[in-house]
Amino acid sequence: MKLTNLTLLLLFSITLSFGQNITISQNPKYTSSINPKYTAGINPKYTSSINPKYTTSINPKYTSSINPNYTTSINPKYTSSINPKYNSSINPKYTSALDPFYGTGEKKYLFNESADPIGILISANSNIYLYYDLQGEWIGYFVRARTNFNLFSLDGDWTGKYLCSDSKSGYNLFDEDGEWTGSFVK
């Protein structure tokens, strides 16, 4: 009996430590209006104004002002204020409020096409989202470029991926060719 109780307690503790408690309003499995699979207005396959393949003003490949390879002010390699390596206020190693589980920063989730969570975004400030895997490992960060957010590695290298607003309450993730990855942020 004691072993069973101990096992259940251990499993419960692990679930609390690693499980994501996503609110219903942020969970596309329970709120279809925030799921691009069920809402055409936030799906870039059906809404050209939120698709960088058809709207060049939101495509870094065609708009240099949102491309960090051409605009140093949005490139952390050249602008230390947006580089967590040089700015402790946006570095989770020095700012506990940015912890994905215990911090106080605004939390969003990155979902795959099946609406399963695959990442966590924490707002470091209005221009930076820190990107974590589901275990809480910091793996990158997004830097604002007008209405987009470009994804950078921890070394400050642009991955070519970027978030575009879905014109509602979230973002869709695109690759450098402007192809929607199927992933989205809520």
Protein backbone atom coordinates (compact mmCIF):
# COMPACT_ATOMS: atom_id res chain seq x y z
CA MET A 1 0.00 0.00 0.00
CA LYS A 2 2.78 2.42 0.93
CA LEU A 3 4.62 1.58 -2.28
CA THR A 4 1.49 2.28 -4.34
CA ASN A 5 0.95 5.62 -2.60
CA LEU A 6 4.59 6.53 -3.09
CA THR A 7 4.39 5.61 -6.78
CA LEU A 8 1.26 7.70 -7.27
CA LEU A 9 2.82 10.63 -5.45
CA LEU A 10 5.93 10.37 -7.61
CA LEU A 11 3.90 10.24 -10.82
CA PHE A 12 1.81 13.21 -9.70
CA SER A 13 4.96 15.20 -8.89
CA ILE A 14 6.48 14.43 -12.28
CA THR A 15 3.27 15.48 -14.02
CA LEU A 16 3.22 18.76 -12.13
CA SER A 17 6.87 19.40 -12.91
CA PHE A 18 6.79 18.63 -16.61
CA GLY A 19 3.16 18.71 -17.69
CA GLN A 20 1.80 21.83 -19.29
CA ASN A 21 -1.37 23.23 -17.82
CA ILE A 22 -2.60 25.22 -20.80
CA THR A 23 -5.69 27.29 -20.17
CA ILE A 24 -8.68 26.43 -22.33
CA SER A 25 -8.63 29.88 -23.91
CA GLN A 26 -5.06 29.19 -25.12
CA ASN A 27 -5.61 25.57 -26.07
CA PRO A 28 -6.56 25.04 -29.72
CA LYS A 29 -7.72 21.50 -28.98
CA TYR A 30 -10.57 22.93 -26.91
CA THR A 31 -11.10 26.33 -28.50
CA SER A 32 -11.61 25.89 -32.23
CA SER A 33 -11.67 29.64 -32.90
CA ILE A 34 -7.91 29.78 -32.21
CA ASN A 35 -7.09 26.69 -34.25
CA PRO A 36 -6.09 27.39 -37.88
CA LYS A 37 -7.33 23.92 -38.80
CA TYR A 38 -10.90 25.01 -38.04
CA THR A 39 -10.75 28.77 -38.55
CA ALA A 40 -9.92 29.87 -42.09
CA GLY A 41 -9.33 33.50 -41.08
CA ILE A 42 -6.20 32.57 -39.11
CA ASN A 43 -5.01 29.89 -41.52
CA PRO A 44 -2.44 31.21 -44.01
CA LYS A 45 -3.46 28.55 -46.53
CA TYR A 46 -6.84 30.27 -46.86
CA THR A 47 -6.06 33.89 -45.97
CA SER A 48 -3.50 35.48 -48.28
CA SER A 49 -3.13 38.65 -46.20
CA ILE A 50 -1.41 36.64 -43.44
CA ASN A 51 0.65 34.51 -45.82
CA PRO A 52 4.11 35.86 -46.71
CA LYS A 53 4.09 33.92 -49.99
CA TYR A 54 1.34 36.26 -51.18
CA THR A 55 1.95 39.35 -49.05
CA THR A 56 5.52 40.45 -49.62
CA SER A 57 5.40 43.16 -46.95
CA ILE A 58 5.48 40.42 -44.29
CA ASN A 59 8.11 38.31 -46.05
CA PRO A 60 11.73 38.96 -45.01
CA LYS A 61 12.90 37.49 -48.30
CA TYR A 62 11.33 40.44 -50.15
CA THR A 63 11.25 43.16 -47.49
CA SER A 64 14.70 44.13 -46.28
CA SER A 65 13.42 46.14 -43.31
CA ILE A 66 12.21 42.92 -41.65
CA ASN A 67 15.17 40.82 -42.72
CA PRO A 68 17.93 40.72 -40.09
CA ASN A 69 20.53 40.01 -42.76
CA TYR A 70 19.91 43.51 -44.13
CA THR A 71 18.69 45.47 -41.10
CA THR A 72 21.16 45.55 -38.22
CA SER A 73 18.67 47.06 -35.76
CA ILE A 74 16.78 43.74 -35.70
CA ASN A 75 19.87 41.56 -35.73
CA PRO A 76 21.20 40.58 -32.28
CA LYS A 77 24.69 40.06 -33.71
CA TYR A 78 24.86 43.83 -34.24
CA THR A 79 22.43 45.18 -31.64
CA SER A 80 23.34 44.15 -28.11
CA SER A 81 20.10 45.45 -26.57
CA ILE A 82 18.17 42.64 -28.30
CA ASN A 83 20.77 39.97 -27.62
CA PRO A 84 20.25 38.01 -24.39
CA LYS A 85 23.94 37.18 -24.39
CA TYR A 86 24.69 40.86 -23.72
CA ASN A 87 21.48 42.06 -22.09
CA SER A 88 20.81 40.38 -18.75
CA SER A 89 17.26 41.76 -18.52
CA ILE A 90 16.21 39.48 -21.40
CA ASN A 91 18.38 36.53 -20.37
CA PRO A 92 16.59 33.84 -18.33
CA LYS A 93 19.87 32.83 -16.69
CA TYR A 94 19.87 36.20 -14.91
CA THR A 95 16.17 37.06 -14.76
CA SER A 96 14.03 34.51 -12.92
CA ALA A 97 10.80 36.16 -14.09
CA LEU A 98 11.55 34.66 -17.52
CA ASP A 99 11.46 31.05 -16.31
CA PRO A 100 8.84 29.17 -18.37
CA PHE A 101 7.40 27.36 -15.35
CA TYR A 102 7.85 29.72 -12.42
CA GLY A 103 8.31 33.11 -14.03
CA THR A 104 5.85 35.94 -14.30
CA GLY A 105 6.32 36.76 -17.98
CA GLU A 106 3.50 36.47 -20.50
CA LYS A 107 3.38 32.87 -21.70
CA LYS A 108 2.36 31.65 -25.13
CA TYR A 109 2.62 28.19 -26.61
CA LEU A 110 3.89 26.97 -29.95
CA PHE A 111 1.66 24.23 -31.33
CA ASN A 112 2.16 21.84 -34.22
CA GLU A 113 -0.42 21.23 -36.93
CA SER A 114 -2.17 18.68 -34.70
CA ALA A 115 -2.52 21.35 -31.99
CA ASP A 116 -0.06 19.59 -29.70
CA PRO A 117 2.21 21.94 -27.75
CA ILE A 118 5.80 21.80 -28.96
CA GLY A 119 7.28 24.90 -27.34
CA ILE A 120 6.82 27.77 -24.92
CA LEU A 121 7.33 31.46 -25.63
CA ILE A 122 7.90 33.89 -22.78
CA SER A 123 7.72 37.61 -23.40
CA ALA A 124 10.98 39.18 -22.24
CA ASN A 125 9.75 42.58 -23.42
CA SER A 126 7.61 43.95 -26.24
CA ASN A 127 10.28 43.06 -28.81
CA ILE A 128 11.56 39.69 -27.58
CA TYR A 129 10.02 36.28 -26.99
CA LEU A 130 12.27 33.68 -25.41
CA TYR A 131 11.71 30.23 -26.91
CA TYR A 132 11.81 27.08 -24.75
CA ASP A 133 11.15 23.42 -25.38
CA LEU A 134 8.48 21.74 -23.25
CA GLN A 135 11.05 20.66 -20.67
CA GLY A 136 11.93 24.30 -20.04
CA GLU A 137 15.24 24.27 -21.92
CA TRP A 138 15.92 27.67 -23.48
CA ILE A 139 16.54 27.00 -27.19
CA GLY A 140 16.25 30.35 -28.96
CA TYR A 141 14.49 33.67 -29.13
CA PHE A 142 12.27 35.71 -31.41
CA VAL A 143 13.01 39.36 -32.20
CA ARG A 144 10.32 41.75 -33.42
CA ALA A 145 10.54 43.02 -36.98
CA ARG A 146 7.44 45.22 -37.36
CA THR A 147 4.56 42.74 -36.95
CA ASN A 148 6.80 39.69 -37.47
CA PHE A 149 9.18 38.00 -35.06
CA ASN A 150 12.38 36.44 -36.46
CA LEU A 151 13.74 33.31 -34.77
CA PHE A 152 17.37 33.30 -33.64
CA SER A 153 19.56 30.61 -32.13
CA LEU A 154 21.11 31.21 -28.73
CA ASP A 155 24.25 32.28 -30.60
CA GLY A 156 22.31 35.06 -32.32
CA ASP A 157 22.15 33.42 -35.74
CA TRP A 158 18.92 33.91 -37.67
CA THR A 159 17.37 30.52 -38.41
CA GLY A 160 15.40 31.88 -41.37
CA LYS A 161 12.15 31.10 -39.55
CA TYR A 162 9.75 33.80 -38.46
CA LEU A 163 6.35 34.38 -36.94
CA CYS A 164 3.69 36.36 -38.79
CA SER A 165 0.60 37.67 -37.07
CA ASP A 166 -2.55 35.67 -37.75
CA SER A 167 -4.44 38.99 -37.43
CA LYS A 168 -6.27 37.71 -34.35
CA SER A 169 -4.54 36.64 -31.17
CA GLY A 170 -1.53 34.71 -32.33
CA TYR A 171 1.11 33.95 -34.92
CA ASN A 172 1.92 31.40 -37.60
CA LEU A 173 5.47 30.07 -38.05
CA PHE A 174 7.04 30.22 -41.52
CA ASP A 175 10.32 28.99 -42.96
CA GLU A 176 12.70 31.15 -44.99
CA ASP A 177 10.89 30.32 -48.23
CA GLY A 178 7.63 31.67 -46.84
CA GLU A 179 6.14 28.21 -46.40
CA TRP A 180 3.90 27.79 -43.39
CA THR A 181 5.40 25.12 -41.15
CA GLY A 182 1.94 24.24 -39.83
CA SER A 183 3.00 25.50 -36.40
CA PHE A 184 1.30 28.40 -34.68
CA VAL A 185 1.48 30.39 -31.45
CA LYS A 186 -1.35 31.07 -29.01
